[in-house]
Amino acid sequence: MAMNEIKDFLLWCACINYAVLLVWFILYVLARDWLYSMHGRWFRLSVEGFDAIHYSGMAIYKIGILLLNLVPFAALCLIP
């Protein structure tokens, strides 16, 4: 696999992952009550616990995008 193909692959992976993160955030903001009621049927969660789980999940997902997609992309871009 050529270096340019790997760079393109990592960039597309980052874009797709950020799109997933954006959809997750929009659903959380716009349909929070519906999500809470749906998850409340399956798990015993407080509202604060539900918020903390989603906030933590989004933060971990964003860190994963940075470490697994953007840092390798930046490193490959620095190679002459």
PDB file of N, CA and C in Angstrom:
ATOM      1  N   MET A   1       0.843  -1.167   0.000  1.00  0.00           N
ATOM      2  CA  MET A   1       0.000   0.000   0.000  1.00  0.00           C
ATOM      3  C   MET A   1       0.894   1.236   0.000  1.00  0.00           C
ATOM      4  N   ALA A   2       0.625   2.159  -0.875  1.00  0.00           N
ATOM      5  CA  ALA A   2       1.435   3.365  -0.982  1.00  0.00           C
ATOM      6  C   ALA A   2       1.122   4.321   0.161  1.00  0.00           C
ATOM      7  N   MET A   3       2.084   5.210   0.403  1.00  0.00           N
ATOM      8  CA  MET A   3       1.946   6.171   1.499  1.00  0.00           C
ATOM      9  C   MET A   3       0.717   7.066   1.297  1.00  0.00           C
ATOM     10  N   ASN A   4       0.467   7.496   0.071  1.00  0.00           N
ATOM     11  CA  ASN A   4      -0.691   8.362  -0.189  1.00  0.00           C
ATOM     12  C   ASN A   4      -2.004   7.640   0.068  1.00  0.00           C
ATOM     13  N   GLU A   5      -2.047   6.349  -0.223  1.00  0.00           N
ATOM     14  CA  GLU A   5      -3.263   5.574   0.047  1.00  0.00           C
ATOM     15  C   GLU A   5      -3.521   5.465   1.541  1.00  0.00           C
ATOM     16  N   ILE A   6      -2.469   5.285   2.304  1.00  0.00           N
ATOM     17  CA  ILE A   6      -2.619   5.199   3.758  1.00  0.00           C
ATOM     18  C   ILE A   6      -3.096   6.537   4.321  1.00  0.00           C
ATOM     19  N   LYS A   7      -2.515   7.633   3.819  1.00  0.00           N
ATOM     20  CA  LYS A   7      -2.955   8.965   4.269  1.00  0.00           C
ATOM     21  C   LYS A   7      -4.427   9.187   3.944  1.00  0.00           C
ATOM     22  N   ASP A   8      -4.820   8.848   2.730  1.00  0.00           N
ATOM     23  CA  ASP A   8      -6.228   9.004   2.348  1.00  0.00           C
ATOM     24  C   ASP A   8      -7.138   8.152   3.214  1.00  0.00           C
ATOM     25  N   PHE A   9      -6.702   6.914   3.474  1.00  0.00           N
ATOM     26  CA  PHE A   9      -7.482   6.008   4.315  1.00  0.00           C
ATOM     27  C   PHE A   9      -7.678   6.585   5.714  1.00  0.00           C
ATOM     28  N   LEU A  10      -6.602   7.082   6.330  1.00  0.00           N
ATOM     29  CA  LEU A  10      -6.695   7.637   7.679  1.00  0.00           C
ATOM     30  C   LEU A  10      -7.555   8.895   7.713  1.00  0.00           C
ATOM     31  N   LEU A  11      -7.452   9.714   6.673  1.00  0.00           N
ATOM     32  CA  LEU A  11      -8.267  10.916   6.614  1.00  0.00           C
ATOM     33  C   LEU A  11      -9.749  10.582   6.477  1.00  0.00           C
ATOM     34  N   TRP A  12     -10.074   9.608   5.624  1.00  0.00           N
ATOM     35  CA  TRP A  12     -11.469   9.188   5.482  1.00  0.00           C
ATOM     36  C   TRP A  12     -11.990   8.544   6.768  1.00  0.00           C
ATOM     37  N   CYS A  13     -11.159   7.771   7.425  1.00  0.00           N
ATOM     38  CA  CYS A  13     -11.564   7.180   8.711  1.00  0.00           C
ATOM     39  C   CYS A  13     -11.882   8.276   9.734  1.00  0.00           C
ATOM     40  N   ALA A  14     -11.050   9.298   9.793  1.00  0.00           N
ATOM     41  CA  ALA A  14     -11.285  10.404  10.724  1.00  0.00           C
ATOM     42  C   ALA A  14     -12.583  11.121  10.381  1.00  0.00           C
ATOM     43  N   CYS A  15     -12.824  11.364   9.106  1.00  0.00           N
ATOM     44  CA  CYS A  15     -14.058  12.051   8.691  1.00  0.00           C
ATOM     45  C   CYS A  15     -15.295  11.237   9.051  1.00  0.00           C
ATOM     46  N   ILE A  16     -15.255   9.946   8.791  1.00  0.00           N
ATOM     47  CA  ILE A  16     -16.398   9.077   9.103  1.00  0.00           C
ATOM     48  C   ILE A  16     -16.615   9.008  10.614  1.00  0.00           C
ATOM     49  N   ASN A  17     -15.531   8.887  11.370  1.00  0.00           N
ATOM     50  CA  ASN A  17     -15.657   8.828  12.823  1.00  0.00           C
ATOM     51  C   ASN A  17     -16.194  10.131  13.399  1.00  0.00           C
ATOM     52  N   TYR A  18     -15.762  11.266  12.869  1.00  0.00           N
ATOM     53  CA  TYR A  18     -16.308  12.540  13.339  1.00  0.00           C
ATOM     54  C   TYR A  18     -17.774  12.687  12.953  1.00  0.00           C
ATOM     55  N   ALA A  19     -18.176  12.138  11.811  1.00  0.00           N
ATOM     56  CA  ALA A  19     -19.595  12.160  11.438  1.00  0.00           C
ATOM     57  C   ALA A  19     -20.419  11.335  12.426  1.00  0.00           C
ATOM     58  N   VAL A  20     -19.906  10.174  12.818  1.00  0.00           N
ATOM     59  CA  VAL A  20     -20.595   9.351  13.818  1.00  0.00           C
ATOM     60  C   VAL A  20     -20.690  10.103  15.144  1.00  0.00           C
ATOM     61  N   LEU A  21     -19.610  10.763  15.547  1.00  0.00           N
ATOM     62  CA  LEU A  21     -19.626  11.539  16.784  1.00  0.00           C
ATOM     63  C   LEU A  21     -20.623  12.687  16.704  1.00  0.00           C
ATOM     64  N   LEU A  22     -20.714  13.340  15.566  1.00  0.00           N
ATOM     65  CA  LEU A  22     -21.659  14.430  15.385  1.00  0.00           C
ATOM     66  C   LEU A  22     -23.105  13.939  15.438  1.00  0.00           C
ATOM     67  N   VAL A  23     -23.385  12.802  14.820  1.00  0.00           N
ATOM     68  CA  VAL A  23     -24.736  12.224  14.876  1.00  0.00           C
ATOM     69  C   VAL A  23     -25.086  11.854  16.318  1.00  0.00           C
ATOM     70  N   TRP A  24     -24.137  11.256  17.023  1.00  0.00           N
ATOM     71  CA  TRP A  24     -24.352  10.905  18.428  1.00  0.00           C
ATOM     72  C   TRP A  24     -24.685  12.157  19.242  1.00  0.00           C
ATOM     73  N   PHE A  25     -23.913  13.236  19.047  1.00  0.00           N
ATOM     74  CA  PHE A  25     -24.138  14.468  19.785  1.00  0.00           C
ATOM     75  C   PHE A  25     -25.499  15.078  19.452  1.00  0.00           C
ATOM     76  N   ILE A  26     -25.843  15.115  18.171  1.00  0.00           N
ATOM     77  CA  ILE A  26     -27.129  15.692  17.761  1.00  0.00           C
ATOM     78  C   ILE A  26     -28.285  14.888  18.333  1.00  0.00           C
ATOM     79  N   LEU A  27     -28.192  13.555  18.266  1.00  0.00           N
ATOM     80  CA  LEU A  27     -29.243  12.726  18.860  1.00  0.00           C
ATOM     81  C   LEU A  27     -29.345  12.956  20.358  1.00  0.00           C
ATOM     82  N   TYR A  28     -28.205  13.082  21.013  1.00  0.00           N
ATOM     83  CA  TYR A  28     -28.211  13.304  22.452  1.00  0.00           C
ATOM     84  C   TYR A  28     -28.861  14.646  22.793  1.00  0.00           C
ATOM     85  N   VAL A  29     -28.549  15.685  22.027  1.00  0.00           N
ATOM     86  CA  VAL A  29     -29.100  17.014  22.319  1.00  0.00           C
ATOM     87  C   VAL A  29     -30.585  17.083  21.982  1.00  0.00           C
ATOM     88  N   LEU A  30     -30.971  16.566  20.820  1.00  0.00           N
ATOM     89  CA  LEU A  30     -32.343  16.728  20.357  1.00  0.00           C
ATOM     90  C   LEU A  30     -33.314  15.681  20.909  1.00  0.00           C
ATOM     91  N   ALA A  31     -32.814  14.487  21.204  1.00  0.00           N
ATOM     92  CA  ALA A  31     -33.710  13.406  21.640  1.00  0.00           C
ATOM     93  C   ALA A  31     -33.260  12.825  22.974  1.00  0.00           C
ATOM     94  N   ARG A  32     -32.769  13.677  23.868  1.00  0.00           N
ATOM     95  CA  ARG A  32     -32.240  13.198  25.146  1.00  0.00           C
ATOM     96  C   ARG A  32     -33.293  12.490  25.985  1.00  0.00           C
ATOM     97  N   ASP A  33     -34.480  13.071  26.062  1.00  0.00           N
ATOM     98  CA  ASP A  33     -35.536  12.464  26.879  1.00  0.00           C
ATOM     99  C   ASP A  33     -35.966  11.111  26.319  1.00  0.00           C
ATOM    100  N   TRP A  34     -36.074  11.025  25.004  1.00  0.00           N
ATOM    101  CA  TRP A  34     -36.444   9.749  24.385  1.00  0.00           C
ATOM    102  C   TRP A  34     -35.355   8.697  24.617  1.00  0.00           C
ATOM    103  N   LEU A  35     -34.095   9.099  24.460  1.00  0.00           N
ATOM    104  CA  LEU A  35     -32.996   8.166  24.707  1.00  0.00           C
ATOM    105  C   LEU A  35     -32.986   7.701  26.159  1.00  0.00           C
ATOM    106  N   TYR A  36     -33.215   8.647  27.073  1.00  0.00           N
ATOM    107  CA  TYR A  36     -33.228   8.286  28.490  1.00  0.00           C
ATOM    108  C   TYR A  36     -34.366   7.323  28.808  1.00  0.00           C
ATOM    109  N   SER A  37     -35.538   7.570  28.253  1.00  0.00           N
ATOM    110  CA  SER A  37     -36.666   6.669  28.528  1.00  0.00           C
ATOM    111  C   SER A  37     -36.427   5.291  27.916  1.00  0.00           C
ATOM    112  N   MET A  38     -35.798   5.253  26.735  1.00  0.00           N
ATOM    113  CA  MET A  38     -35.515   3.970  26.102  1.00  0.00           C
ATOM    114  C   MET A  38     -34.489   3.175  26.915  1.00  0.00           C
ATOM    115  N   HIS A  39     -33.411   3.846  27.335  1.00  0.00           N
ATOM    116  CA  HIS A  39     -32.393   3.155  28.124  1.00  0.00           C
ATOM    117  C   HIS A  39     -32.882   2.881  29.543  1.00  0.00           C
ATOM    118  N   GLY A  40     -33.809   3.710  30.024  1.00  0.00           N
ATOM    119  CA  GLY A  40     -34.355   3.505  31.358  1.00  0.00           C
ATOM    120  C   GLY A  40     -35.165   2.233  31.474  1.00  0.00           C
ATOM    121  N   ARG A  41     -35.686   1.757  30.353  1.00  0.00           N
ATOM    122  CA  ARG A  41     -36.411   0.476  30.380  1.00  0.00           C
ATOM    123  C   ARG A  41     -35.470  -0.700  30.622  1.00  0.00           C
ATOM    124  N   TRP A  42     -34.260  -0.588  30.119  1.00  0.00           N
ATOM    125  CA  TRP A  42     -33.306  -1.699  30.199  1.00  0.00           C
ATOM    126  C   TRP A  42     -32.401  -1.627  31.421  1.00  0.00           C
ATOM    127  N   PHE A  43     -32.030  -0.402  31.806  1.00  0.00           N
ATOM    128  CA  PHE A  43     -31.056  -0.219  32.893  1.00  0.00           C
ATOM    129  C   PHE A  43     -31.627   0.744  33.920  1.00  0.00           C
ATOM    130  N   ARG A  44     -31.215   0.578  35.134  1.00  0.00           N
ATOM    131  CA  ARG A  44     -31.618   1.502  36.191  1.00  0.00           C
ATOM    132  C   ARG A  44     -30.593   2.623  36.240  1.00  0.00           C
ATOM    133  N   LEU A  45     -30.912   3.735  35.574  1.00  0.00           N
ATOM    134  CA  LEU A  45     -29.998   4.864  35.490  1.00  0.00           C
ATOM    135  C   LEU A  45     -30.651   6.115  36.037  1.00  0.00           C
ATOM    136  N   SER A  46     -29.861   6.908  36.730  1.00  0.00           N
ATOM    137  CA  SER A  46     -30.329   8.243  37.097  1.00  0.00           C
ATOM    138  C   SER A  46     -30.054   9.161  35.909  1.00  0.00           C
ATOM    139  N   VAL A  47     -30.672  10.312  35.910  1.00  0.00           N
ATOM    140  CA  VAL A  47     -30.442  11.274  34.829  1.00  0.00           C
ATOM    141  C   VAL A  47     -28.982  11.714  34.824  1.00  0.00           C
ATOM    142  N   GLU A  48     -28.415  11.920  36.001  1.00  0.00           N
ATOM    143  CA  GLU A  48     -27.015  12.330  36.090  1.00  0.00           C
ATOM    144  C   GLU A  48     -26.085  11.235  35.582  1.00  0.00           C
ATOM    145  N   GLY A  49     -26.398   9.992  35.915  1.00  0.00           N
ATOM    146  CA  GLY A  49     -25.597   8.862  35.429  1.00  0.00           C
ATOM    147  C   GLY A  49     -25.681   8.718  33.918  1.00  0.00           C
ATOM    148  N   PHE A  50     -26.879   8.899  33.387  1.00  0.00           N
ATOM    149  CA  PHE A  50     -27.078   8.841  31.939  1.00  0.00           C
ATOM    150  C   PHE A  50     -26.256   9.918  31.238  1.00  0.00           C
ATOM    151  N   ASP A  51     -26.302  11.144  31.766  1.00  0.00           N
ATOM    152  CA  ASP A  51     -25.526  12.244  31.181  1.00  0.00           C
ATOM    153  C   ASP A  51     -24.026  11.960  31.267  1.00  0.00           C
ATOM    154  N   ALA A  52     -23.585  11.452  32.408  1.00  0.00           N
ATOM    155  CA  ALA A  52     -22.163  11.167  32.587  1.00  0.00           C
ATOM    156  C   ALA A  52     -21.686  10.069  31.638  1.00  0.00           C
ATOM    157  N   ILE A  53     -22.492   9.054  31.435  1.00  0.00           N
ATOM    158  CA  ILE A  53     -22.120   7.967  30.526  1.00  0.00           C
ATOM    159  C   ILE A  53     -21.973   8.494  29.108  1.00  0.00           C
ATOM    160  N   HIS A  54     -22.925   9.304  28.655  1.00  0.00           N
ATOM    161  CA  HIS A  54     -22.837   9.825  27.290  1.00  0.00           C
ATOM    162  C   HIS A  54     -21.685  10.814  27.135  1.00  0.00           C
ATOM    163  N   TYR A  55     -21.499  11.689  28.099  1.00  0.00           N
ATOM    164  CA  TYR A  55     -20.395  12.649  28.024  1.00  0.00           C
ATOM    165  C   TYR A  55     -19.053  11.922  28.016  1.00  0.00           C
ATOM    166  N   SER A  56     -18.902  10.930  28.894  1.00  0.00           N
ATOM    167  CA  SER A  56     -17.655  10.156  28.941  1.00  0.00           C
ATOM    168  C   SER A  56     -17.451   9.363  27.661  1.00  0.00           C
ATOM    169  N   GLY A  57     -18.514   8.756  27.165  1.00  0.00           N
ATOM    170  CA  GLY A  57     -18.405   7.991  25.929  1.00  0.00           C
ATOM    171  C   GLY A  57     -17.979   8.846  24.756  1.00  0.00           C
ATOM    172  N   MET A  58     -18.566  10.043  24.639  1.00  0.00           N
ATOM    173  CA  MET A  58     -18.174  10.940  23.552  1.00  0.00           C
ATOM    174  C   MET A  58     -16.725  11.393  23.707  1.00  0.00           C
ATOM    175  N   ALA A  59     -16.292  11.645  24.928  1.00  0.00           N
ATOM    176  CA  ALA A  59     -14.909  12.070  25.164  1.00  0.00           C
ATOM    177  C   ALA A  59     -13.932  10.952  24.806  1.00  0.00           C
ATOM    178  N   ILE A  60     -14.225   9.725  25.218  1.00  0.00           N
ATOM    179  CA  ILE A  60     -13.349   8.590  24.908  1.00  0.00           C
ATOM    180  C   ILE A  60     -13.320   8.334  23.408  1.00  0.00           C
ATOM    181  N   TYR A  61     -14.462   8.445  22.757  1.00  0.00           N
ATOM    182  CA  TYR A  61     -14.535   8.245  21.310  1.00  0.00           C
ATOM    183  C   TYR A  61     -13.705   9.303  20.576  1.00  0.00           C
ATOM    184  N   LYS A  62     -13.792  10.560  21.046  1.00  0.00           N
ATOM    185  CA  LYS A  62     -13.019  11.629  20.423  1.00  0.00           C
ATOM    186  C   LYS A  62     -11.520  11.412  20.629  1.00  0.00           C
ATOM    187  N   ILE A  63     -11.118  10.992  21.801  1.00  0.00           N
ATOM    188  CA  ILE A  63      -9.704  10.700  22.058  1.00  0.00           C
ATOM    189  C   ILE A  63      -9.238   9.562  21.161  1.00  0.00           C
ATOM    190  N   GLY A  64     -10.089   8.549  20.970  1.00  0.00           N
ATOM    191  CA  GLY A  64      -9.744   7.451  20.065  1.00  0.00           C
ATOM    192  C   GLY A  64      -9.551   7.921  18.639  1.00  0.00           C
ATOM    193  N   ILE A  65     -10.398   8.832  18.177  1.00  0.00           N
ATOM    194  CA  ILE A  65     -10.250   9.378  16.829  1.00  0.00           C
ATOM    195  C   ILE A  65      -8.920  10.110  16.707  1.00  0.00           C
ATOM    196  N   LEU A  66      -8.613  10.907  17.705  1.00  0.00           N
ATOM    197  CA  LEU A  66      -7.360  11.658  17.662  1.00  0.00           C
ATOM    198  C   LEU A  66      -6.145  10.739  17.654  1.00  0.00           C
ATOM    199  N   LEU A  67      -6.143   9.762  18.542  1.00  0.00           N
ATOM    200  CA  LEU A  67      -4.972   8.897  18.676  1.00  0.00           C
ATOM    201  C   LEU A  67      -4.837   7.875  17.547  1.00  0.00           C
ATOM    202  N   LEU A  68      -5.938   7.368  17.048  1.00  0.00           N
ATOM    203  CA  LEU A  68      -5.873   6.280  16.068  1.00  0.00           C
ATOM    204  C   LEU A  68      -5.980   6.739  14.621  1.00  0.00           C
ATOM    205  N   ASN A  69      -6.466   7.955  14.386  1.00  0.00           N
ATOM    206  CA  ASN A  69      -6.614   8.429  13.012  1.00  0.00           C
ATOM    207  C   ASN A  69      -5.796   9.678  12.722  1.00  0.00           C
ATOM    208  N   LEU A  70      -5.948  10.697  13.537  1.00  0.00           N
ATOM    209  CA  LEU A  70      -5.335  11.984  13.210  1.00  0.00           C
ATOM    210  C   LEU A  70      -3.847  12.048  13.519  1.00  0.00           C
ATOM    211  N   VAL A  71      -3.409  11.443  14.604  1.00  0.00           N
ATOM    212  CA  VAL A  71      -1.976  11.451  14.917  1.00  0.00           C
ATOM    213  C   VAL A  71      -1.178  10.653  13.878  1.00  0.00           C
ATOM    214  N   PRO A  72      -1.611   9.434  13.506  1.00  0.00           N
ATOM    215  CA  PRO A  72      -0.873   8.745  12.433  1.00  0.00           C
ATOM    216  C   PRO A  72      -0.920   9.506  11.104  1.00  0.00           C
ATOM    217  N   PHE A  73      -2.054  10.150  10.799  1.00  0.00           N
ATOM    218  CA  PHE A  73      -2.152  10.956   9.580  1.00  0.00           C
ATOM    219  C   PHE A  73      -1.149  12.106   9.618  1.00  0.00           C
ATOM    220  N   ALA A  74      -1.079  12.802  10.740  1.00  0.00           N
ATOM    221  CA  ALA A  74      -0.136  13.918  10.877  1.00  0.00           C
ATOM    222  C   ALA A  74       1.307  13.425  10.786  1.00  0.00           C
ATOM    223  N   ALA A  75       1.600  12.272  11.389  1.00  0.00           N
ATOM    224  CA  ALA A  75       2.951  11.730  11.322  1.00  0.00           C
ATOM    225  C   ALA A  75       3.342  11.390   9.883  1.00  0.00           C
ATOM    226  N   LEU A  76       2.401  10.822   9.136  1.00  0.00           N
ATOM    227  CA  LEU A  76       2.686  10.490   7.732  1.00  0.00           C
ATOM    228  C   LEU A  76       2.843  11.752   6.884  1.00  0.00           C
ATOM    229  N   CYS A  77       2.118  12.804   7.242  1.00  0.00           N
ATOM    230  CA  CYS A  77       2.255  14.060   6.498  1.00  0.00           C
ATOM    231  C   CYS A  77       3.599  14.724   6.762  1.00  0.00           C
ATOM    232  N   LEU A  78       4.199  14.464   7.910  1.00  0.00           N
ATOM    233  CA  LEU A  78       5.498  15.063   8.246  1.00  0.00           C
ATOM    234  C   LEU A  78       6.666  14.351   7.564  1.00  0.00           C
ATOM    235  N   ILE A  79       6.444  13.144   7.108  1.00  0.00           N
ATOM    236  CA  ILE A  79       7.502  12.400   6.421  1.00  0.00           C
ATOM    237  C   ILE A  79       7.679  12.982   5.030  1.00  0.00           C
ATOM    238  N   PRO A  80       8.919  13.354   4.673  1.00  0.00           N
ATOM    239  CA  PRO A  80       9.122  13.939   3.331  1.00  0.00           C
ATOM    240  C   PRO A  80       8.998  12.942   2.207  1.00  0.00           C
TER     241      PRO A  80
END
